[in-house]
Amino acid sequence: MKFWILSILLFLCCNIFIAAPLHASCQYSFKRPIVIEGNWNLPPFDFINDEGKPDGYNMEILQTILHRKKIPYIIKKNNFSTALNNLREGKSDLLSLMFSNERAKIYKFGATIKYISKVIVCRKGDRSISRLSDLQNKTIGVEKSTRSLDILKQEKIPCKLVLENSALDELKKVSKGSYDAGFCNYESAVYYIRKYQLHDLKLVDLGIAPQEYCMAGSNENLLKLMSQELYAMKRDGTFDTITDKWFKQHETIAIPTVVYWVLAFLLSLAVSLYFIVLFLRNRVKKTERILDQK
């Protein structure tokens, strides 16, 4: 009897030890591919490229993590409003989303991927906008369902907000003079201005705090896994490689206006000195001829 009791206990203990690691390894298992969505009007973070395929910095970060963890996934190209609804209803699993306290009440957030600056875009000849209060009584284009729209509403500035489907639409209308300005992400504005040759536009920093662009999802275990792997990518250099690919080649060095003034002064000084030296040489030659004659 003792033998059978010990055998049963030993069998149960073995099953517990075997099952424990299996349970831990299955903590992040999914019965279907992960569904990823995005705001496809937000280059260079998420956008549809010229070949009609989902592309962008955030998308590459998410895909790299899922490849490293060998988790199958699919990408859906719904519009941003639909993507937000799908995430809220649990129909999708991952979405890159800017954090806010209001959104945190609805969606689950993971690690921050990047901090994004918000800027006003207006025509180069317009010097009437340098701070938020200058937007009063002006017509401002802004993409609907975005953090940019939330910020303008929170500031309660008495301006006319016109909702557009994308930042590109608002920038084009600012360029044509339909709007006084547009409000969007710095990186997206630079991308569109360069790609569509909107060189009559300028960017104005209004001093708004950078926004956290985070992983958002409907499954806390998945977000935990994604966040852990993101930190691993930062340690092994993969994260920096992807970041340099998307941003370093487009970085521009802002040269202060005073530098141009100094360069102009030095150039003028050099030209003046050249003519002074030329004048003195002629005087010397003339004097030498007079002396020779004497």
C-alpha atoms as a PDB file:
ATOM      1  CA  MET A   1       0.000   0.000   0.000  1.00  0.00           C
ATOM      2  CA  LYS A   2       2.814   2.397   0.908  1.00  0.00           C
ATOM      3  CA  PHE A   3       4.466   1.619  -2.427  1.00  0.00           C
ATOM      4  CA  TRP A   4       1.324   2.556  -4.365  1.00  0.00           C
ATOM      5  CA  ILE A   5       0.793   5.733  -2.354  1.00  0.00           C
ATOM      6  CA  LEU A   6       4.394   6.822  -2.943  1.00  0.00           C
ATOM      7  CA  SER A   7       4.090   5.981  -6.641  1.00  0.00           C
ATOM      8  CA  ILE A   8       0.939   8.097  -7.001  1.00  0.00           C
ATOM      9  CA  LEU A   9       2.526  11.036  -5.148  1.00  0.00           C
ATOM     10  CA  LEU A  10       5.662  10.766  -7.265  1.00  0.00           C
ATOM     11  CA  PHE A  11       3.552  10.693 -10.430  1.00  0.00           C
ATOM     12  CA  LEU A  12       1.623  13.820  -9.357  1.00  0.00           C
ATOM     13  CA  CYS A  13       4.813  15.681  -8.459  1.00  0.00           C
ATOM     14  CA  CYS A  14       6.340  14.866 -11.826  1.00  0.00           C
ATOM     15  CA  ASN A  15       3.230  16.162 -13.606  1.00  0.00           C
ATOM     16  CA  ILE A  16       3.362  19.406 -11.596  1.00  0.00           C
ATOM     17  CA  PHE A  17       7.037  20.017 -12.457  1.00  0.00           C
ATOM     18  CA  ILE A  18       6.457  19.179 -16.104  1.00  0.00           C
ATOM     19  CA  ALA A  19       3.317  21.310 -16.377  1.00  0.00           C
ATOM     20  CA  ALA A  20       4.794  24.379 -14.656  1.00  0.00           C
ATOM     21  CA  PRO A  21       7.247  25.408 -17.380  1.00  0.00           C
ATOM     22  CA  LEU A  22       4.706  24.445 -20.038  1.00  0.00           C
ATOM     23  CA  HIS A  23       2.202  26.839 -18.500  1.00  0.00           C
ATOM     24  CA  ALA A  24       4.806  29.599 -18.353  1.00  0.00           C
ATOM     25  CA  SER A  25       5.815  29.082 -21.964  1.00  0.00           C
ATOM     26  CA  CYS A  26       2.176  29.242 -23.065  1.00  0.00           C
ATOM     27  CA  GLN A  27       1.497  32.437 -21.185  1.00  0.00           C
ATOM     28  CA  TYR A  28       1.755  34.421 -24.419  1.00  0.00           C
ATOM     29  CA  SER A  29       0.358  31.809 -26.810  1.00  0.00           C
ATOM     30  CA  PHE A  30      -2.439  32.784 -29.195  1.00  0.00           C
ATOM     31  CA  LYS A  31      -4.877  30.640 -31.097  1.00  0.00           C
ATOM     32  CA  ARG A  32      -4.834  32.944 -34.159  1.00  0.00           C
ATOM     33  CA  PRO A  33      -2.404  35.339 -35.860  1.00  0.00           C
ATOM     34  CA  ILE A  34      -1.978  38.744 -34.199  1.00  0.00           C
ATOM     35  CA  VAL A  35      -3.987  41.473 -35.943  1.00  0.00           C
ATOM     36  CA  ILE A  36      -2.069  44.744 -36.432  1.00  0.00           C
ATOM     37  CA  GLU A  37      -3.625  48.011 -37.562  1.00  0.00           C
ATOM     38  CA  GLY A  38      -2.300  51.558 -37.897  1.00  0.00           C
ATOM     39  CA  ASN A  39      -2.896  55.169 -38.748  1.00  0.00           C
ATOM     40  CA  TRP A  40      -1.860  54.914 -42.384  1.00  0.00           C
ATOM     41  CA  ASN A  41      -1.803  58.697 -42.788  1.00  0.00           C
ATOM     42  CA  LEU A  42       1.108  59.146 -40.394  1.00  0.00           C
ATOM     43  CA  PRO A  43       4.399  58.823 -42.281  1.00  0.00           C
ATOM     44  CA  PRO A  44       7.138  57.988 -41.591  1.00  0.00           C
ATOM     45  CA  PHE A  45       5.652  56.044 -38.657  1.00  0.00           C
ATOM     46  CA  ASP A  46       2.738  54.216 -40.319  1.00  0.00           C
ATOM     47  CA  PHE A  47       1.745  54.624 -43.962  1.00  0.00           C
ATOM     48  CA  ILE A  48       0.901  52.776 -47.170  1.00  0.00           C
ATOM     49  CA  ASN A  49       3.901  52.927 -49.495  1.00  0.00           C
ATOM     50  CA  ASP A  50       3.873  53.442 -53.265  1.00  0.00           C
ATOM     51  CA  GLU A  51       3.500  49.696 -53.753  1.00  0.00           C
ATOM     52  CA  GLY A  52       0.304  49.669 -51.684  1.00  0.00           C
ATOM     53  CA  LYS A  53       1.905  47.847 -48.732  1.00  0.00           C
ATOM     54  CA  PRO A  54       1.900  48.852 -45.027  1.00  0.00           C
ATOM     55  CA  ASP A  55       5.210  50.467 -44.167  1.00  0.00           C
ATOM     56  CA  GLY A  56       6.873  52.773 -41.667  1.00  0.00           C
ATOM     57  CA  TYR A  57       9.072  53.035 -38.596  1.00  0.00           C
ATOM     58  CA  ASN A  58       6.514  51.845 -36.037  1.00  0.00           C
ATOM     59  CA  MET A  59       5.340  49.060 -38.316  1.00  0.00           C
ATOM     60  CA  GLU A  60       8.904  47.797 -38.721  1.00  0.00           C
ATOM     61  CA  ILE A  61       9.427  47.885 -34.948  1.00  0.00           C
ATOM     62  CA  LEU A  62       6.273  45.800 -34.326  1.00  0.00           C
ATOM     63  CA  GLN A  63       7.038  43.358 -37.134  1.00  0.00           C
ATOM     64  CA  THR A  64      10.629  42.882 -35.957  1.00  0.00           C
ATOM     65  CA  ILE A  65       9.464  42.030 -32.439  1.00  0.00           C
ATOM     66  CA  LEU A  66       6.880  39.523 -33.695  1.00  0.00           C
ATOM     67  CA  HIS A  67       9.455  37.916 -36.010  1.00  0.00           C
ATOM     68  CA  ARG A  68      11.938  37.608 -33.161  1.00  0.00           C
ATOM     69  CA  LYS A  69       9.289  35.947 -30.973  1.00  0.00           C
ATOM     70  CA  LYS A  70       8.039  33.829 -33.907  1.00  0.00           C
ATOM     71  CA  ILE A  71       4.472  35.038 -33.486  1.00  0.00           C
ATOM     72  CA  PRO A  72       2.364  34.983 -36.684  1.00  0.00           C
ATOM     73  CA  TYR A  73       0.480  38.165 -37.565  1.00  0.00           C
ATOM     74  CA  ILE A  74      -1.632  39.855 -40.205  1.00  0.00           C
ATOM     75  CA  ILE A  75      -1.909  43.573 -41.029  1.00  0.00           C
ATOM     76  CA  LYS A  76      -5.245  45.211 -41.846  1.00  0.00           C
ATOM     77  CA  LYS A  77      -5.445  48.480 -43.797  1.00  0.00           C
ATOM     78  CA  ASN A  78      -8.571  49.965 -42.208  1.00  0.00           C
ATOM     79  CA  ASN A  79      -8.860  53.724 -41.680  1.00  0.00           C
ATOM     80  CA  PHE A  80      -7.769  55.088 -38.306  1.00  0.00           C
ATOM     81  CA  SER A  81     -11.279  55.552 -36.871  1.00  0.00           C
ATOM     82  CA  THR A  82     -12.115  51.922 -37.665  1.00  0.00           C
ATOM     83  CA  ALA A  83      -8.773  50.807 -36.208  1.00  0.00           C
ATOM     84  CA  LEU A  84      -9.561  52.569 -32.917  1.00  0.00           C
ATOM     85  CA  ASN A  85     -12.989  50.926 -32.750  1.00  0.00           C
ATOM     86  CA  ASN A  86     -11.541  47.494 -33.531  1.00  0.00           C
ATOM     87  CA  LEU A  87      -8.938  47.863 -30.798  1.00  0.00           C
ATOM     88  CA  ARG A  88     -11.547  48.990 -28.281  1.00  0.00           C
ATOM     89  CA  GLU A  89     -13.823  46.047 -29.158  1.00  0.00           C
ATOM     90  CA  GLY A  90     -10.981  43.502 -29.147  1.00  0.00           C
ATOM     91  CA  LYS A  91     -11.208  42.816 -32.891  1.00  0.00           C
ATOM     92  CA  SER A  92      -7.543  43.765 -33.337  1.00  0.00           C
ATOM     93  CA  ASP A  93      -4.507  43.247 -31.093  1.00  0.00           C
ATOM     94  CA  LEU A  94      -1.869  45.920 -31.785  1.00  0.00           C
ATOM     95  CA  LEU A  95      -1.907  49.571 -32.779  1.00  0.00           C
ATOM     96  CA  SER A  96       0.677  52.335 -32.418  1.00  0.00           C
ATOM     97  CA  LEU A  97      -1.098  55.126 -30.558  1.00  0.00           C
ATOM     98  CA  MET A  98      -0.187  58.411 -28.890  1.00  0.00           C
ATOM     99  CA  PHE A  99      -0.751  58.252 -25.162  1.00  0.00           C
ATOM    100  CA  SER A 100      -3.165  60.462 -23.263  1.00  0.00           C
ATOM    101  CA  ASN A 101      -4.908  60.090 -19.928  1.00  0.00           C
ATOM    102  CA  GLU A 102      -8.276  59.983 -21.698  1.00  0.00           C
ATOM    103  CA  ARG A 103      -7.152  57.221 -24.049  1.00  0.00           C
ATOM    104  CA  ALA A 104      -5.657  55.261 -21.155  1.00  0.00           C
ATOM    105  CA  LYS A 105      -9.193  54.873 -19.797  1.00  0.00           C
ATOM    106  CA  ILE A 106     -10.186  53.053 -22.990  1.00  0.00           C
ATOM    107  CA  TYR A 107      -7.075  51.313 -24.336  1.00  0.00           C
ATOM    108  CA  LYS A 108      -4.225  49.310 -22.831  1.00  0.00           C
ATOM    109  CA  PHE A 109      -0.800  50.898 -23.404  1.00  0.00           C
ATOM    110  CA  GLY A 110       2.635  49.307 -23.522  1.00  0.00           C
ATOM    111  CA  ALA A 111       6.142  50.695 -23.981  1.00  0.00           C
ATOM    112  CA  THR A 112       6.858  54.056 -25.590  1.00  0.00           C
ATOM    113  CA  ILE A 113       8.356  53.677 -29.073  1.00  0.00           C
ATOM    114  CA  LYS A 114       9.200  57.335 -29.737  1.00  0.00           C
ATOM    115  CA  TYR A 115       8.449  60.887 -28.606  1.00  0.00           C
ATOM    116  CA  ILE A 116       6.817  63.049 -31.270  1.00  0.00           C
ATOM    117  CA  SER A 117       6.729  66.858 -31.497  1.00  0.00           C
ATOM    118  CA  LYS A 118       3.633  68.801 -32.556  1.00  0.00           C
ATOM    119  CA  VAL A 119       4.011  71.844 -34.812  1.00  0.00           C
ATOM    120  CA  ILE A 120       1.958  74.441 -36.633  1.00  0.00           C
ATOM    121  CA  VAL A 121       2.442  74.533 -40.404  1.00  0.00           C
ATOM    122  CA  CYS A 122       1.782  77.851 -42.160  1.00  0.00           C
ATOM    123  CA  ARG A 123       2.930  79.741 -45.245  1.00  0.00           C
ATOM    124  CA  LYS A 124       6.448  81.185 -45.170  1.00  0.00           C
ATOM    125  CA  GLY A 125       5.261  84.758 -45.539  1.00  0.00           C
ATOM    126  CA  ASP A 126       2.981  84.493 -42.520  1.00  0.00           C
ATOM    127  CA  ARG A 127       4.612  85.854 -39.344  1.00  0.00           C
ATOM    128  CA  SER A 128       1.406  86.142 -37.322  1.00  0.00           C
ATOM    129  CA  ILE A 129       1.765  82.757 -35.569  1.00  0.00           C
ATOM    130  CA  SER A 130       4.454  82.197 -32.954  1.00  0.00           C
ATOM    131  CA  ARG A 131       2.462  80.857 -29.983  1.00  0.00           C
ATOM    132  CA  LEU A 132      -0.782  79.004 -29.312  1.00  0.00           C
ATOM    133  CA  SER A 133      -2.793  82.136 -28.546  1.00  0.00           C
ATOM    134  CA  ASP A 134      -2.019  83.409 -32.084  1.00  0.00           C
ATOM    135  CA  LEU A 135      -4.367  80.728 -33.457  1.00  0.00           C
ATOM    136  CA  GLN A 136      -7.343  82.726 -32.211  1.00  0.00           C
ATOM    137  CA  ASN A 137      -9.908  83.459 -34.943  1.00  0.00           C
ATOM    138  CA  LYS A 138      -7.854  81.563 -37.530  1.00  0.00           C
ATOM    139  CA  THR A 139      -8.892  78.582 -39.650  1.00  0.00           C
ATOM    140  CA  ILE A 140      -6.843  75.524 -38.678  1.00  0.00           C
ATOM    141  CA  GLY A 141      -6.796  72.217 -40.540  1.00  0.00           C
ATOM    142  CA  VAL A 142      -6.330  69.090 -38.418  1.00  0.00           C
ATOM    143  CA  GLU A 143      -6.674  65.354 -38.993  1.00  0.00           C
ATOM    144  CA  LYS A 144      -9.750  63.834 -37.354  1.00  0.00           C
ATOM    145  CA  SER A 145      -9.552  61.232 -34.554  1.00  0.00           C
ATOM    146  CA  THR A 146      -5.954  62.217 -33.756  1.00  0.00           C
ATOM    147  CA  ARG A 147      -4.059  63.466 -30.725  1.00  0.00           C
ATOM    148  CA  SER A 148      -3.523  66.749 -32.587  1.00  0.00           C
ATOM    149  CA  LEU A 149      -7.279  67.367 -32.537  1.00  0.00           C
ATOM    150  CA  ASP A 150      -7.463  66.448 -28.835  1.00  0.00           C
ATOM    151  CA  ILE A 151      -4.724  68.958 -27.970  1.00  0.00           C
ATOM    152  CA  LEU A 152      -6.416  71.841 -29.799  1.00  0.00           C
ATOM    153  CA  LYS A 153      -9.728  71.070 -28.101  1.00  0.00           C
ATOM    154  CA  GLN A 154      -8.071  70.897 -24.675  1.00  0.00           C
ATOM    155  CA  GLU A 155      -6.424  74.295 -25.189  1.00  0.00           C
ATOM    156  CA  LYS A 156      -9.900  75.791 -25.860  1.00  0.00           C
ATOM    157  CA  ILE A 157      -8.557  78.318 -28.342  1.00  0.00           C
ATOM    158  CA  PRO A 158     -11.378  80.157 -30.166  1.00  0.00           C
ATOM    159  CA  CYS A 159     -10.393  79.125 -33.680  1.00  0.00           C
ATOM    160  CA  LYS A 160     -12.189  77.384 -36.516  1.00  0.00           C
ATOM    161  CA  LEU A 161     -11.141  73.724 -36.722  1.00  0.00           C
ATOM    162  CA  VAL A 162     -11.630  71.966 -40.051  1.00  0.00           C
ATOM    163  CA  LEU A 163     -11.309  68.169 -39.922  1.00  0.00           C
ATOM    164  CA  GLU A 164      -9.364  66.432 -42.680  1.00  0.00           C
ATOM    165  CA  ASN A 165      -8.731  62.777 -43.493  1.00  0.00           C
ATOM    166  CA  SER A 166      -4.951  63.211 -43.379  1.00  0.00           C
ATOM    167  CA  ALA A 167      -2.204  65.686 -42.561  1.00  0.00           C
ATOM    168  CA  LEU A 168      -1.364  65.792 -46.283  1.00  0.00           C
ATOM    169  CA  ASP A 169      -4.840  67.152 -47.089  1.00  0.00           C
ATOM    170  CA  GLU A 170      -4.513  69.933 -44.533  1.00  0.00           C
ATOM    171  CA  LEU A 171      -0.987  70.890 -45.671  1.00  0.00           C
ATOM    172  CA  LYS A 172      -2.045  71.116 -49.302  1.00  0.00           C
ATOM    173  CA  LYS A 173      -4.913  73.423 -48.367  1.00  0.00           C
ATOM    174  CA  VAL A 174      -2.621  75.555 -46.218  1.00  0.00           C
ATOM    175  CA  SER A 175      -0.298  75.850 -49.220  1.00  0.00           C
ATOM    176  CA  LYS A 176      -3.224  76.953 -51.430  1.00  0.00           C
ATOM    177  CA  GLY A 177      -4.361  79.500 -48.843  1.00  0.00           C
ATOM    178  CA  SER A 178      -7.606  77.718 -47.911  1.00  0.00           C
ATOM    179  CA  TYR A 179      -6.486  77.476 -44.251  1.00  0.00           C
ATOM    180  CA  ASP A 180      -4.374  79.799 -42.143  1.00  0.00           C
ATOM    181  CA  ALA A 181      -2.420  76.859 -40.737  1.00  0.00           C
ATOM    182  CA  GLY A 182      -2.365  73.133 -40.100  1.00  0.00           C
ATOM    183  CA  PHE A 183      -1.547  71.266 -36.887  1.00  0.00           C
ATOM    184  CA  CYS A 184       0.260  67.928 -37.040  1.00  0.00           C
ATOM    185  CA  ASN A 185       3.409  65.957 -36.154  1.00  0.00           C
ATOM    186  CA  TYR A 186       6.787  67.454 -37.008  1.00  0.00           C
ATOM    187  CA  GLU A 187       8.077  64.287 -38.687  1.00  0.00           C
ATOM    188  CA  SER A 188       4.946  63.861 -40.817  1.00  0.00           C
ATOM    189  CA  ALA A 189       5.026  67.508 -41.898  1.00  0.00           C
ATOM    190  CA  VAL A 190       8.685  67.237 -42.969  1.00  0.00           C
ATOM    191  CA  TYR A 191       7.924  64.011 -44.865  1.00  0.00           C
ATOM    192  CA  TYR A 192       5.010  65.518 -46.806  1.00  0.00           C
ATOM    193  CA  ILE A 193       6.753  68.837 -47.532  1.00  0.00           C
ATOM    194  CA  ARG A 194       9.734  67.019 -49.041  1.00  0.00           C
ATOM    195  CA  LYS A 195       7.779  64.403 -50.973  1.00  0.00           C
ATOM    196  CA  TYR A 196       5.203  66.786 -52.461  1.00  0.00           C
ATOM    197  CA  GLN A 197       7.518  69.820 -52.866  1.00  0.00           C
ATOM    198  CA  LEU A 198       5.440  72.070 -50.587  1.00  0.00           C
ATOM    199  CA  HIS A 199       8.353  74.477 -50.172  1.00  0.00           C
ATOM    200  CA  ASP A 200       6.127  77.491 -49.522  1.00  0.00           C
ATOM    201  CA  LEU A 201       5.342  76.091 -46.061  1.00  0.00           C
ATOM    202  CA  LYS A 202       7.232  76.522 -42.804  1.00  0.00           C
ATOM    203  CA  LEU A 203       7.079  74.809 -39.405  1.00  0.00           C
ATOM    204  CA  VAL A 204       6.468  76.755 -36.193  1.00  0.00           C
ATOM    205  CA  ASP A 205       7.246  75.194 -32.806  1.00  0.00           C
ATOM    206  CA  LEU A 206       4.639  76.341 -30.275  1.00  0.00           C
ATOM    207  CA  GLY A 207       6.393  74.777 -27.287  1.00  0.00           C
ATOM    208  CA  ILE A 208       3.927  71.904 -26.873  1.00  0.00           C
ATOM    209  CA  ALA A 209       5.360  69.002 -24.873  1.00  0.00           C
ATOM    210  CA  PRO A 210       6.404  65.994 -27.016  1.00  0.00           C
ATOM    211  CA  GLN A 211       3.804  63.239 -27.198  1.00  0.00           C
ATOM    212  CA  GLU A 212       4.461  59.586 -26.312  1.00  0.00           C
ATOM    213  CA  TYR A 213       3.927  57.285 -29.279  1.00  0.00           C
ATOM    214  CA  CYS A 214       3.278  53.908 -27.648  1.00  0.00           C
ATOM    215  CA  MET A 215       2.261  50.367 -28.339  1.00  0.00           C
ATOM    216  CA  ALA A 216      -1.420  49.923 -27.594  1.00  0.00           C
ATOM    217  CA  GLY A 217      -3.406  46.716 -27.543  1.00  0.00           C
ATOM    218  CA  SER A 218      -6.249  44.656 -26.199  1.00  0.00           C
ATOM    219  CA  ASN A 219      -4.166  41.949 -24.484  1.00  0.00           C
ATOM    220  CA  GLU A 220      -1.965  42.811 -21.492  1.00  0.00           C
ATOM    221  CA  ASN A 221       0.152  39.661 -21.870  1.00  0.00           C
ATOM    222  CA  LEU A 222       0.918  40.497 -25.494  1.00  0.00           C
ATOM    223  CA  LEU A 223       1.827  44.095 -24.596  1.00  0.00           C
ATOM    224  CA  LYS A 224       4.108  42.840 -21.821  1.00  0.00           C
ATOM    225  CA  LEU A 225       5.863  40.519 -24.258  1.00  0.00           C
ATOM    226  CA  MET A 226       6.204  43.296 -26.870  1.00  0.00           C
ATOM    227  CA  SER A 227       7.582  45.746 -24.302  1.00  0.00           C
ATOM    228  CA  GLN A 228      10.149  43.260 -23.000  1.00  0.00           C
ATOM    229  CA  GLU A 229      11.376  42.484 -26.509  1.00  0.00           C
ATOM    230  CA  LEU A 230      11.542  46.204 -27.359  1.00  0.00           C
ATOM    231  CA  TYR A 231      13.923  46.729 -24.433  1.00  0.00           C
ATOM    232  CA  ALA A 232      15.953  43.729 -25.641  1.00  0.00           C
ATOM    233  CA  MET A 233      16.200  45.368 -29.077  1.00  0.00           C
ATOM    234  CA  LYS A 234      17.465  48.560 -27.448  1.00  0.00           C
ATOM    235  CA  ARG A 235      20.155  46.585 -25.626  1.00  0.00           C
ATOM    236  CA  ASP A 236      21.419  44.683 -28.670  1.00  0.00           C
ATOM    237  CA  GLY A 237      21.346  47.664 -31.049  1.00  0.00           C
ATOM    238  CA  THR A 238      18.486  46.508 -33.300  1.00  0.00           C
ATOM    239  CA  PHE A 239      16.290  49.404 -32.186  1.00  0.00           C
ATOM    240  CA  ASP A 240      18.984  51.997 -33.028  1.00  0.00           C
ATOM    241  CA  THR A 241      19.553  50.429 -36.445  1.00  0.00           C
ATOM    242  CA  ILE A 242      15.862  50.732 -37.358  1.00  0.00           C
ATOM    243  CA  THR A 243      15.676  54.279 -35.942  1.00  0.00           C
ATOM    244  CA  ASP A 244      18.722  55.417 -37.954  1.00  0.00           C
ATOM    245  CA  LYS A 245      17.247  53.866 -41.093  1.00  0.00           C
ATOM    246  CA  TRP A 246      14.052  55.929 -40.830  1.00  0.00           C
ATOM    247  CA  PHE A 247      15.262  59.181 -39.291  1.00  0.00           C
ATOM    248  CA  LYS A 248      19.013  59.770 -39.418  1.00  0.00           C
ATOM    249  CA  GLN A 249      19.150  60.149 -43.197  1.00  0.00           C
ATOM    250  CA  HIS A 250      16.395  62.801 -43.005  1.00  0.00           C
ATOM    251  CA  GLU A 251      17.833  64.781 -40.125  1.00  0.00           C
ATOM    252  CA  THR A 252      18.484  68.437 -40.823  1.00  0.00           C
ATOM    253  CA  ILE A 253      20.735  70.753 -38.841  1.00  0.00           C
ATOM    254  CA  ALA A 254      18.978  73.950 -37.892  1.00  0.00           C
ATOM    255  CA  ILE A 255      21.381  76.827 -38.587  1.00  0.00           C
ATOM    256  CA  PRO A 256      20.645  79.969 -36.528  1.00  0.00           C
ATOM    257  CA  THR A 257      19.944  83.148 -38.506  1.00  0.00           C
ATOM    258  CA  VAL A 258      22.863  84.909 -36.807  1.00  0.00           C
ATOM    259  CA  VAL A 259      25.249  82.497 -38.532  1.00  0.00           C
ATOM    260  CA  TYR A 260      24.046  83.704 -41.931  1.00  0.00           C
ATOM    261  CA  TRP A 261      24.532  87.319 -40.842  1.00  0.00           C
ATOM    262  CA  VAL A 262      28.083  86.585 -39.666  1.00  0.00           C
ATOM    263  CA  LEU A 263      28.894  84.798 -42.932  1.00  0.00           C
ATOM    264  CA  ALA A 264      27.467  87.716 -44.936  1.00  0.00           C
ATOM    265  CA  PHE A 265      29.548  90.178 -42.897  1.00  0.00           C
ATOM    266  CA  LEU A 266      32.732  88.167 -43.388  1.00  0.00           C
ATOM    267  CA  LEU A 267      32.090  87.898 -47.126  1.00  0.00           C
ATOM    268  CA  SER A 268      31.515  91.666 -47.388  1.00  0.00           C
ATOM    269  CA  LEU A 269      34.668  92.297 -45.366  1.00  0.00           C
ATOM    270  CA  ALA A 270      36.701  90.029 -47.633  1.00  0.00           C
ATOM    271  CA  VAL A 271      35.421  91.785 -50.779  1.00  0.00           C
ATOM    272  CA  SER A 272      36.145  95.213 -49.250  1.00  0.00           C
ATOM    273  CA  LEU A 273      39.679  94.202 -48.274  1.00  0.00           C
ATOM    274  CA  TYR A 274      40.291  92.892 -51.789  1.00  0.00           C
ATOM    275  CA  PHE A 275      39.390  96.242 -53.391  1.00  0.00           C
ATOM    276  CA  ILE A 276      41.379  98.164 -50.747  1.00  0.00           C
ATOM    277  CA  VAL A 277      44.468  96.067 -51.479  1.00  0.00           C
ATOM    278  CA  LEU A 278      43.900  96.527 -55.226  1.00  0.00           C
ATOM    279  CA  PHE A 279      43.610 100.306 -54.756  1.00  0.00           C
ATOM    280  CA  LEU A 280      46.789 100.474 -52.654  1.00  0.00           C
ATOM    281  CA  ARG A 281      48.729  98.445 -55.210  1.00  0.00           C
ATOM    282  CA  ASN A 282      47.714 100.865 -57.949  1.00  0.00           C
ATOM    283  CA  ARG A 283      48.798 103.825 -55.772  1.00  0.00           C
ATOM    284  CA  VAL A 284      52.152 102.191 -55.105  1.00  0.00           C
ATOM    285  CA  LYS A 285      52.732 101.515 -58.812  1.00  0.00           C
ATOM    286  CA  LYS A 286      51.745 105.086 -59.684  1.00  0.00           C
ATOM    287  CA  THR A 287      54.132 106.453 -57.041  1.00  0.00           C
ATOM    288  CA  GLU A 288      56.914 104.236 -58.318  1.00  0.00           C
ATOM    289  CA  ARG A 289      56.424 105.542 -61.890  1.00  0.00           C
ATOM    290  CA  ILE A 290      56.566 109.152 -60.626  1.00  0.00           C
ATOM    291  CA  LEU A 291      59.786 108.421 -58.723  1.00  0.00           C
ATOM    292  CA  ASP A 292      61.314 106.752 -61.759  1.00  0.00           C
ATOM    293  CA  GLN A 293      60.514 109.793 -63.888  1.00  0.00           C
ATOM    294  CA  LYS A 294      62.125 112.114 -61.318  1.00  0.00           C
END
